[in-house]
Amino acid sequence: MKTLTSSLARRKAAATPDTTTPGTAPGAGARLGWLDALRGIAALVVVLHHFDVLRMLPFGGTIIRWNFDLGLFGVMLFFIVSGYIIPASLERRGDVRGFWIGRLFRIYPAVIAAFAAAIMMLPAGDGSVALLRTGDDLASLVANGLMLQDMLGVINGMNVTWTLCYEMVFYFFVTALFTRNLHRHSAPIAVGFAGAALAIGTALAPQLLTGFLSVRQLLLIVTPIVLAGFWGVLSGNRKATAAGALLLGALGLVLAALNSRAVAFETLMIFATMFAGTVVYRAQHGTIGRVPALLACGSVVVAGVLVGWLYNRDGVQDSTWTSGWKAWSFSYLAAWVLFGLFFLLRGRHFPKPLTWLGAISFSMYLLHFPLLRTIGPPLGVPPVPGSTLGKIVWTAVFLAALMAASHVMYRLVELPAQRLGKRIQRAADGRRPAAAAAGPDAVARTPEGDADSGPAAAVAAGERASGSG
């Protein structure tokens, strides 16, 4: 009886959340609610940006447009959240193969489903879906399949998928740093990217590699490297994992530096922003001091504001799709302000509708533009309805249809794919357990709960013309 009581006590203790860790909230729902809420807000803001909600306002829309960019705000908010949670996911697992299986099954099934739906819904002449519609179907399929199209000179298969390229390269960086046991150096990396953005600005021309190589030649070089890298990180062998991660990280650095379609300061600030998000996570959990973290994040925020003022003018704003330096700088700053506010409130419970929006945010991101182009014309939009009632009805109809479709895709595609990924990971571990790719001190178990539960912070939203969509 005593043995049974001890066993039950041990089980109860193991099942009880640890609420003594500094900076953590008492329940998993509270701990993750702030991130879900942020994702929901970011997704909704980007949706409204592409919906052109500012034209619906009775007054003030033009003033807001010239001083604030909803697309850039939403995108940068997503990137901050991604930087916060993605390295935590890898380090919580301590398993590069498990991390990559989770990422691949988190992203690819939903993207494939969205492409299939968009191609079926939209006519060939609709430019928002270009997969297999560029005149070079093989290059389009391969580049978009690698999710590196925006850095390979290939048109995005769907105009909102440009951000996935930056997410993918960020995964390359994070994996390479982890296998080299350098992942804790997020602060100097973030400051380094931000400093490079300030120093280089627009001096480095976009897509330098495709100025010397054709798209197909570049694909012939890049594709084997990516496949070899993935073979390594999925192998479960320590040396092969480290080699594959290094290969992917080096490739990502070359492509980001020499062949991004965005202007240099924008590309560099995206990665500075994501690594600064990681700095916040590290400071919260005590692996970096608060003062160094504040200095690093402050430097990144200041750099993000300054690059807008210095460079987002004289025609460059046409490449970033912002109206000018104020729209860039104020939007970038606002993304950090909102993230900081929610971070301070992270111990509180957030409204369920807001966290639900976070859960379906990836599907909203993927589906909103094709859906907008599909249901708008039959309802006579564009042009924008002239009456206030017409604008309200059109907005309500679109958002209701989008949220319903996104919820269905989340339930029928995203969740089953994630469960399948977990089963495949367990099967792979059963056949060949993955070796730790870094030293034992590399694994920082996160009290934030399962970083992969809920929607992918890895997925930002926005239409790619370059920077803010």
Protein backbone atom coordinates (compact mmCIF):
# COMPACT_ATOMS: atom_id res chain seq x y z
CA MET A 1 0.00 0.00 0.00
CA LYS A 2 2.83 2.35 0.87
CA THR A 3 4.46 1.62 -2.48
CA LEU A 4 1.20 2.34 -4.31
CA THR A 5 0.76 5.63 -2.43
CA SER A 6 4.31 6.68 -3.27
CA SER A 7 3.77 5.80 -6.91
CA LEU A 8 0.57 7.87 -7.07
CA ALA A 9 2.32 10.78 -5.38
CA ARG A 10 5.14 10.64 -7.89
CA ARG A 11 2.64 10.61 -10.79
CA LYS A 12 0.74 13.52 -9.33
CA ALA A 13 3.94 15.53 -8.89
CA ALA A 14 5.01 14.76 -12.44
CA ALA A 15 1.62 15.84 -13.80
CA THR A 16 1.55 19.10 -11.84
CA PRO A 17 2.84 22.14 -13.76
CA ASP A 18 5.89 23.78 -12.29
CA THR A 19 4.75 27.23 -11.26
CA THR A 20 7.91 28.19 -9.41
CA THR A 21 10.00 29.08 -12.42
CA PRO A 22 10.58 32.85 -12.49
CA GLY A 23 8.73 34.65 -15.23
CA THR A 24 6.24 31.88 -15.91
CA ALA A 25 2.51 31.79 -15.51
CA PRO A 26 0.59 29.17 -13.61
CA GLY A 27 -1.07 27.40 -16.52
CA ALA A 28 -0.14 26.29 -20.01
CA GLY A 29 -3.17 28.05 -21.46
CA ALA A 30 -2.11 31.34 -19.90
CA ARG A 31 1.51 30.85 -20.93
CA LEU A 32 0.71 30.30 -24.59
CA GLY A 33 -2.36 32.50 -24.83
CA TRP A 34 -0.39 35.68 -25.34
CA LEU A 35 1.45 34.18 -28.31
CA ASP A 36 -1.76 32.89 -29.88
CA ALA A 37 -3.37 36.29 -29.36
CA LEU A 38 -0.44 38.04 -31.02
CA ARG A 39 -0.60 35.68 -34.00
CA GLY A 40 -4.31 36.25 -34.30
CA ILE A 41 -3.86 40.02 -34.31
CA ALA A 42 -0.98 39.87 -36.79
CA ALA A 43 -2.95 37.65 -39.17
CA LEU A 44 -6.08 39.80 -38.94
CA VAL A 45 -4.10 43.00 -39.55
CA VAL A 46 -2.48 41.56 -42.68
CA VAL A 47 -5.86 40.31 -43.91
CA LEU A 48 -7.33 43.77 -43.43
CA HIS A 49 -4.31 45.29 -45.17
CA HIS A 50 -4.92 43.22 -48.30
CA PHE A 51 -8.64 43.80 -47.92
CA ASP A 52 -7.74 47.50 -48.18
CA VAL A 53 -9.68 48.34 -45.07
CA LEU A 54 -8.31 51.89 -45.02
CA ARG A 55 -10.43 52.66 -48.08
CA MET A 56 -13.46 51.60 -46.08
CA LEU A 57 -12.92 54.24 -43.41
CA PRO A 58 -15.13 57.33 -43.66
CA PHE A 59 -12.14 59.57 -42.98
CA GLY A 60 -8.46 59.33 -42.03
CA GLY A 61 -7.57 56.38 -44.22
CA THR A 62 -5.18 58.35 -46.42
CA ILE A 63 -3.41 59.88 -43.43
CA ILE A 64 -2.94 56.46 -41.84
CA ARG A 65 -1.65 55.00 -45.11
CA TRP A 66 1.05 57.66 -45.40
CA ASN A 67 2.21 57.21 -41.84
CA PHE A 68 1.56 53.56 -41.01
CA ASP A 69 1.72 50.34 -43.02
CA LEU A 70 -0.57 47.59 -41.77
CA GLY A 71 1.22 44.95 -43.85
CA LEU A 72 4.67 45.72 -42.48
CA PHE A 73 3.29 45.89 -38.95
CA GLY A 74 1.67 42.45 -39.21
CA VAL A 75 4.67 40.86 -40.92
CA MET A 76 7.19 42.16 -38.41
CA LEU A 77 4.98 41.12 -35.52
CA PHE A 78 4.92 37.60 -36.93
CA PHE A 79 8.69 37.61 -37.34
CA ILE A 80 9.23 38.69 -33.72
CA VAL A 81 6.97 35.89 -32.48
CA SER A 82 8.71 33.42 -34.78
CA GLY A 83 12.11 34.44 -33.45
CA TYR A 84 10.85 34.01 -29.90
CA ILE A 85 9.39 30.53 -30.26
CA ILE A 86 11.23 28.66 -33.05
CA PRO A 87 14.64 28.35 -31.33
CA ALA A 88 12.77 27.45 -28.13
CA SER A 89 11.07 24.62 -30.02
CA LEU A 90 14.39 23.23 -31.24
CA GLU A 91 16.11 23.54 -27.88
CA ARG A 92 13.17 22.04 -26.00
CA ARG A 93 13.39 18.99 -28.22
CA GLY A 94 17.18 18.84 -28.27
CA ASP A 95 16.66 16.89 -31.48
CA VAL A 96 17.31 18.44 -34.89
CA ARG A 97 15.55 15.66 -36.76
CA GLY A 98 12.44 15.97 -34.60
CA PHE A 99 12.45 19.72 -35.05
CA TRP A 100 12.60 19.46 -38.84
CA ILE A 101 9.96 16.75 -39.07
CA GLY A 102 7.69 18.96 -37.00
CA ARG A 103 8.37 22.00 -39.15
CA LEU A 104 7.87 20.19 -42.45
CA PHE A 105 4.56 18.68 -41.39
CA ARG A 106 3.51 21.96 -39.82
CA ILE A 107 3.96 23.97 -43.01
CA TYR A 108 3.93 21.90 -46.20
CA PRO A 109 0.51 20.17 -45.98
CA ALA A 110 -1.29 23.46 -45.37
CA VAL A 111 0.65 25.21 -48.13
CA ILE A 112 -0.07 22.40 -50.61
CA ALA A 113 -3.76 22.45 -49.71
CA ALA A 114 -3.90 26.22 -50.11
CA PHE A 115 -2.17 26.06 -53.50
CA ALA A 116 -4.58 23.39 -54.70
CA ALA A 117 -7.60 25.40 -53.55
CA ALA A 118 -6.28 28.65 -55.04
CA ILE A 119 -5.46 27.11 -58.41
CA MET A 120 -8.94 25.62 -58.58
CA MET A 121 -10.65 28.83 -57.50
CA LEU A 122 -8.74 31.41 -59.50
CA PRO A 123 -8.39 31.75 -63.27
CA ALA A 124 -5.01 31.46 -64.97
CA GLY A 125 -4.80 35.21 -65.51
CA ASP A 126 -5.00 35.99 -61.80
CA GLY A 127 -1.52 37.08 -60.77
CA SER A 128 -1.94 36.26 -57.08
CA VAL A 129 -1.30 32.57 -57.84
CA ALA A 130 1.66 31.99 -60.14
CA LEU A 131 2.63 28.39 -59.39
CA LEU A 132 2.84 26.49 -62.70
CA ARG A 133 1.81 29.71 -64.46
CA THR A 134 5.17 31.39 -65.08
CA GLY A 135 6.23 29.84 -68.38
CA ASP A 136 8.83 27.71 -66.64
CA ASP A 137 6.77 25.25 -64.64
CA LEU A 138 9.72 23.13 -63.53
CA ALA A 139 11.62 26.06 -62.04
CA SER A 140 8.42 27.35 -60.43
CA LEU A 141 7.65 23.98 -58.86
CA VAL A 142 11.19 23.29 -57.60
CA ALA A 143 11.87 26.75 -56.19
CA ASN A 144 8.50 27.01 -54.48
CA GLY A 145 8.83 23.43 -53.29
CA LEU A 146 12.10 24.34 -51.58
CA MET A 147 10.37 27.45 -50.19
CA LEU A 148 13.32 29.53 -51.33
CA GLN A 149 11.70 31.07 -54.39
CA ASP A 150 12.03 34.67 -53.21
CA MET A 151 15.78 34.14 -53.00
CA LEU A 152 16.12 32.24 -56.27
CA GLY A 153 14.67 34.77 -58.68
CA VAL A 154 11.44 32.81 -59.10
CA ILE A 155 8.00 34.35 -58.79
CA ASN A 156 6.24 33.34 -55.60
CA GLY A 157 3.76 30.58 -56.30
CA MET A 158 1.28 32.54 -54.22
CA ASN A 159 1.91 36.19 -53.54
CA VAL A 160 1.64 35.70 -49.78
CA THR A 161 4.30 32.99 -49.53
CA TRP A 162 7.31 35.28 -49.73
CA THR A 163 7.69 35.28 -45.95
CA LEU A 164 8.11 31.52 -45.88
CA CYS A 165 11.47 31.98 -47.61
CA TYR A 166 12.74 34.07 -44.72
CA GLU A 167 11.29 31.64 -42.22
CA MET A 168 13.03 28.75 -43.99
CA VAL A 169 16.39 30.51 -43.99
CA PHE A 170 15.90 31.38 -40.33
CA TYR A 171 15.40 27.66 -39.65
CA PHE A 172 18.67 27.03 -41.50
CA PHE A 173 20.48 29.55 -39.29
CA VAL A 174 18.96 28.28 -36.05
CA THR A 175 19.77 24.66 -36.85
CA ALA A 176 23.36 25.43 -37.82
CA LEU A 177 23.93 27.47 -34.66
CA PHE A 178 22.40 24.75 -32.48
CA THR A 179 24.57 21.97 -33.88
CA ARG A 180 27.66 24.13 -33.33
CA ASN A 181 26.56 25.00 -29.80
CA LEU A 182 26.47 28.68 -30.75
CA HIS A 183 22.74 29.15 -30.38
CA ARG A 184 23.00 31.14 -27.17
CA HIS A 185 24.71 33.99 -29.01
CA SER A 186 21.43 35.44 -30.25
CA ALA A 187 22.16 38.92 -28.93
CA PRO A 188 25.37 39.62 -30.90
CA ILE A 189 23.83 37.96 -33.99
CA ALA A 190 20.76 40.20 -33.80
CA VAL A 191 22.89 43.30 -33.30
CA GLY A 192 25.19 42.20 -36.13
CA PHE A 193 22.31 41.88 -38.61
CA ALA A 194 20.89 45.23 -37.48
CA GLY A 195 24.29 46.91 -37.79
CA ALA A 196 24.73 45.46 -41.26
CA ALA A 197 21.31 46.80 -42.24
CA LEU A 198 22.34 50.28 -41.12
CA ALA A 199 25.74 50.11 -42.78
CA ILE A 200 24.69 48.54 -46.09
CA GLY A 201 21.25 50.05 -46.55
CA THR A 202 20.60 49.90 -50.27
CA ALA A 203 24.23 49.72 -51.38
CA LEU A 204 24.00 46.00 -52.13
CA ALA A 205 21.82 45.37 -55.15
CA PRO A 206 19.11 42.68 -54.84
CA GLN A 207 19.47 39.37 -56.67
CA LEU A 208 23.15 39.60 -57.54
CA LEU A 209 23.49 35.89 -58.27
CA THR A 210 20.72 35.80 -60.83
CA GLY A 211 22.50 38.66 -62.56
CA PHE A 212 25.25 36.17 -63.45
CA LEU A 213 23.38 32.88 -63.47
CA SER A 214 20.09 31.90 -64.99
CA VAL A 215 17.36 30.73 -62.65
CA ARG A 216 17.79 27.14 -63.83
CA GLN A 217 21.57 27.28 -63.32
CA LEU A 218 21.08 28.58 -59.81
CA LEU A 219 18.52 25.87 -59.12
CA LEU A 220 20.98 23.21 -60.35
CA ILE A 221 23.44 24.44 -57.72
CA VAL A 222 21.04 25.09 -54.86
CA THR A 223 18.75 22.05 -55.09
CA PRO A 224 21.43 19.37 -54.45
CA ILE A 225 22.79 21.42 -51.56
CA VAL A 226 19.35 21.67 -49.95
CA LEU A 227 18.65 17.97 -50.47
CA ALA A 228 22.03 17.01 -49.03
CA GLY A 229 21.44 19.31 -46.08
CA PHE A 230 18.02 17.82 -45.39
CA TRP A 231 19.43 14.31 -45.68
CA GLY A 232 21.90 15.25 -42.97
CA VAL A 233 19.50 16.89 -40.53
CA LEU A 234 16.97 14.07 -40.94
CA SER A 235 19.52 11.26 -40.67
CA GLY A 236 19.66 10.98 -36.90
CA ASN A 237 23.44 10.67 -37.12
CA ARG A 238 25.30 13.29 -35.13
CA LYS A 239 28.05 14.01 -37.64
CA ALA A 240 25.70 13.96 -40.61
CA THR A 241 23.29 16.24 -38.76
CA ALA A 242 26.02 18.76 -38.00
CA ALA A 243 27.30 18.67 -41.59
CA GLY A 244 23.82 19.02 -43.05
CA ALA A 245 22.95 21.90 -40.74
CA LEU A 246 26.18 23.70 -41.59
CA LEU A 247 25.48 23.23 -45.30
CA LEU A 248 21.98 24.67 -44.96
CA GLY A 249 23.15 27.56 -42.79
CA ALA A 250 25.91 28.54 -45.23
CA LEU A 251 23.53 28.34 -48.17
CA GLY A 252 20.98 30.49 -46.36
CA LEU A 253 23.60 33.13 -45.60
CA VAL A 254 24.76 33.28 -49.23
CA LEU A 255 21.23 33.52 -50.60
CA ALA A 256 20.13 36.12 -48.06
CA ALA A 257 23.20 38.27 -48.68
CA LEU A 258 23.45 37.98 -52.44
CA ASN A 259 20.10 37.03 -53.93
CA SER A 260 17.20 38.22 -51.83
CA ARG A 261 14.55 40.02 -53.83
CA ALA A 262 14.10 42.56 -51.06
CA VAL A 263 16.36 45.56 -50.63
CA ALA A 264 19.33 44.82 -48.39
CA PHE A 265 18.24 46.76 -45.31
CA GLU A 266 14.89 45.01 -45.30
CA THR A 267 16.33 41.52 -45.63
CA LEU A 268 18.86 42.15 -42.88
CA MET A 269 16.30 43.72 -40.56
CA ILE A 270 14.03 40.70 -40.93
CA PHE A 271 16.74 38.41 -39.55
CA ALA A 272 17.78 40.96 -36.92
CA THR A 273 14.15 41.07 -35.79
CA MET A 274 13.81 37.31 -35.52
CA PHE A 275 17.04 36.91 -33.56
CA ALA A 276 15.98 39.77 -31.30
CA GLY A 277 12.79 37.81 -30.59
CA THR A 278 15.06 34.95 -29.52
CA VAL A 279 16.91 37.32 -27.21
CA VAL A 280 13.63 38.08 -25.43
CA TYR A 281 13.07 34.37 -24.88
CA ARG A 282 16.58 33.89 -23.52
CA ALA A 283 16.30 36.82 -21.15
CA GLN A 284 12.95 35.56 -19.87
CA HIS A 285 14.44 32.16 -19.04
CA GLY A 286 17.71 33.39 -17.61
CA THR A 287 20.22 32.33 -20.26
CA ILE A 288 21.16 35.95 -20.92
CA GLY A 289 21.19 38.91 -18.56
CA ARG A 290 18.38 41.42 -18.74
CA VAL A 291 20.68 44.39 -19.34
CA PRO A 292 22.49 42.80 -22.34
CA ALA A 293 19.10 41.66 -23.66
CA LEU A 294 17.62 45.15 -23.36
CA LEU A 295 20.65 46.66 -25.06
CA ALA A 296 20.50 44.13 -27.91
CA CYS A 297 16.75 44.46 -28.49
CA GLY A 298 16.93 48.22 -28.11
CA SER A 299 19.68 48.38 -30.72
CA VAL A 300 17.58 46.32 -33.14
CA VAL A 301 14.50 48.49 -32.61
CA VAL A 302 16.50 51.70 -33.08
CA ALA A 303 18.10 50.27 -36.21
CA GLY A 304 14.69 49.26 -37.57
CA VAL A 305 13.41 52.80 -37.14
CA LEU A 306 16.58 54.39 -38.52
CA VAL A 307 16.81 52.29 -41.68
CA GLY A 308 13.36 53.49 -42.63
CA TRP A 309 14.33 57.11 -42.16
CA LEU A 310 17.68 56.69 -43.91
CA TYR A 311 16.77 54.46 -46.83
CA ASN A 312 13.03 54.07 -47.40
CA ARG A 313 12.81 57.07 -49.67
CA ASP A 314 13.77 58.25 -53.17
CA GLY A 315 11.89 55.42 -54.85
CA VAL A 316 13.03 52.63 -52.52
CA GLN A 317 9.61 52.71 -50.87
CA ASP A 318 8.19 51.33 -54.11
CA SER A 319 10.26 48.19 -53.51
CA THR A 320 9.14 47.86 -49.91
CA TRP A 321 5.54 48.73 -50.81
CA THR A 322 5.36 51.31 -48.06
CA SER A 323 4.45 54.93 -48.72
CA GLY A 324 7.65 56.32 -47.24
CA TRP A 325 9.99 56.28 -44.28
CA LYS A 326 7.30 57.12 -41.71
CA ALA A 327 5.17 54.17 -42.77
CA TRP A 328 8.16 51.84 -42.39
CA SER A 329 9.57 53.25 -39.15
CA PHE A 330 6.31 53.77 -37.26
CA SER A 331 4.99 50.34 -38.24
CA TYR A 332 8.19 48.58 -37.24
CA LEU A 333 8.23 50.35 -33.88
CA ALA A 334 4.55 49.58 -33.29
CA ALA A 335 5.13 45.85 -33.84
CA TRP A 336 7.70 45.84 -31.06
CA VAL A 337 5.50 47.94 -28.78
CA LEU A 338 2.59 45.52 -29.13
CA PHE A 339 4.84 42.50 -28.63
CA GLY A 340 6.31 44.11 -25.53
CA LEU A 341 2.87 44.88 -24.13
CA PHE A 342 1.65 41.31 -24.62
CA PHE A 343 4.90 39.98 -23.18
CA LEU A 344 4.27 41.97 -20.01
CA LEU A 345 0.73 40.53 -19.91
CA ARG A 346 1.84 36.98 -20.70
CA GLY A 347 0.61 35.60 -17.38
CA ARG A 348 -2.97 36.63 -18.04
CA HIS A 349 -5.69 34.71 -19.82
CA PHE A 350 -6.66 36.16 -23.18
CA PRO A 351 -10.13 36.09 -24.74
CA LYS A 352 -10.87 32.80 -26.49
CA PRO A 353 -11.90 34.47 -29.78
CA LEU A 354 -8.45 36.06 -29.95
CA THR A 355 -6.57 32.85 -29.21
CA TRP A 356 -8.82 31.03 -31.70
CA LEU A 357 -7.75 33.53 -34.34
CA GLY A 358 -4.19 32.62 -33.46
CA ALA A 359 -4.96 28.95 -33.93
CA ILE A 360 -6.26 29.51 -37.47
CA SER A 361 -3.78 32.27 -38.32
CA PHE A 362 -1.69 30.18 -40.73
CA SER A 363 -4.76 29.14 -42.69
CA MET A 364 -5.99 32.73 -42.70
CA TYR A 365 -2.64 33.84 -44.04
CA LEU A 366 -2.70 31.29 -46.84
CA LEU A 367 -6.35 31.57 -47.84
CA HIS A 368 -7.28 35.22 -47.49
CA PHE A 369 -6.00 36.51 -50.80
CA PRO A 370 -7.40 33.71 -53.02
CA LEU A 371 -10.70 33.95 -51.16
CA LEU A 372 -10.80 37.71 -51.57
CA ARG A 373 -10.26 37.33 -55.31
CA THR A 374 -12.88 34.58 -55.50
CA ILE A 375 -15.87 35.99 -53.65
CA GLY A 376 -15.27 39.66 -54.47
CA PRO A 377 -16.18 39.73 -58.20
CA PRO A 378 -19.54 37.92 -57.85
CA LEU A 379 -20.49 40.46 -55.20
CA GLY A 380 -19.41 43.37 -57.38
CA VAL A 381 -16.20 44.13 -55.48
CA PRO A 382 -14.14 45.91 -56.63
CA PRO A 383 -15.07 48.71 -56.65
CA VAL A 384 -15.48 49.30 -52.95
CA PRO A 385 -19.16 49.68 -51.99
CA GLY A 386 -20.15 53.33 -51.92
CA SER A 387 -22.43 53.28 -48.88
CA THR A 388 -21.38 52.80 -45.29
CA LEU A 389 -23.81 49.90 -44.90
CA GLY A 390 -22.42 48.27 -48.05
CA LYS A 391 -18.88 48.52 -46.71
CA ILE A 392 -19.87 47.00 -43.38
CA VAL A 393 -21.75 44.14 -45.06
CA TRP A 394 -18.90 43.41 -47.48
CA THR A 395 -16.35 43.40 -44.66
CA ALA A 396 -18.50 41.11 -42.52
CA VAL A 397 -19.19 38.69 -45.39
CA PHE A 398 -15.51 38.42 -46.31
CA LEU A 399 -14.24 37.96 -42.75
CA ALA A 400 -16.94 35.42 -41.93
CA ALA A 401 -16.16 33.40 -45.07
CA LEU A 402 -12.43 33.57 -44.40
CA MET A 403 -12.66 32.50 -40.79
CA ALA A 404 -15.01 29.64 -41.63
CA ALA A 405 -12.71 28.39 -44.42
CA SER A 406 -9.63 28.81 -42.22
CA HIS A 407 -11.22 26.89 -39.36
CA VAL A 408 -12.10 24.03 -41.72
CA MET A 409 -8.55 23.89 -43.10
CA TYR A 410 -7.08 24.04 -39.62
CA ARG A 411 -9.21 21.12 -38.47
CA LEU A 412 -9.00 19.00 -41.61
CA VAL A 413 -5.46 19.70 -42.80
CA GLU A 414 -3.26 21.33 -40.20
CA LEU A 415 -4.10 19.26 -37.13
CA PRO A 416 -4.08 15.84 -38.88
CA ALA A 417 -0.77 16.74 -40.56
CA GLN A 418 0.77 17.66 -37.23
CA ARG A 419 -0.41 14.38 -35.70
CA LEU A 420 1.01 12.49 -38.68
CA GLY A 421 4.32 14.28 -38.24
CA LYS A 422 4.48 13.22 -34.60
CA ARG A 423 3.78 9.61 -35.52
CA ILE A 424 6.50 9.67 -38.16
CA GLN A 425 8.90 11.18 -35.67
CA ARG A 426 8.17 8.43 -33.14
CA ALA A 427 8.60 5.80 -35.84
CA ALA A 428 11.93 7.32 -36.88
CA ASP A 429 13.10 7.40 -33.27
CA GLY A 430 12.06 3.80 -32.87
CA ARG A 431 14.11 2.70 -35.85
CA ARG A 432 17.09 4.92 -35.14
CA PRO A 433 17.14 7.24 -32.14
CA ALA A 434 18.45 10.67 -33.02
CA ALA A 435 21.75 11.60 -31.43
CA ALA A 436 22.02 14.95 -29.69
CA ALA A 437 23.61 17.31 -32.16
CA ALA A 438 25.11 19.65 -29.60
CA GLY A 439 26.54 19.46 -26.13
CA PRO A 440 24.30 18.75 -23.15
CA ASP A 441 24.18 22.41 -22.23
CA ALA A 442 22.56 23.16 -25.58
CA VAL A 443 19.15 21.99 -24.49
CA ALA A 444 17.18 24.69 -22.72
CA ARG A 445 13.87 23.19 -21.77
CA THR A 446 11.20 25.83 -22.07
CA PRO A 447 8.54 26.38 -19.41
CA GLU A 448 6.34 27.85 -22.13
CA GLY A 449 4.91 24.44 -22.86
CA ASP A 450 4.98 22.75 -26.24
CA ALA A 451 6.32 25.34 -28.63
CA ASP A 452 4.79 23.52 -31.55
CA SER A 453 1.32 23.35 -30.12
CA GLY A 454 -1.05 25.88 -31.58
CA PRO A 455 -0.41 27.77 -34.80
CA ALA A 456 3.00 28.11 -36.36
CA ALA A 457 4.75 31.22 -35.22
CA ALA A 458 6.98 30.46 -38.11
CA VAL A 459 4.54 31.68 -40.63
CA ALA A 460 4.30 35.34 -41.31
CA ALA A 461 1.69 36.93 -43.45
CA GLY A 462 1.87 39.44 -46.19
CA GLU A 463 1.86 39.91 -49.90
CA ARG A 464 5.32 39.99 -51.42
CA ALA A 465 6.22 42.81 -53.59
CA SER A 466 9.16 43.11 -51.32
CA GLY A 467 9.08 44.25 -47.78
CA SER A 468 5.72 44.89 -46.28
CA GLY A 469 3.32 43.50 -48.80
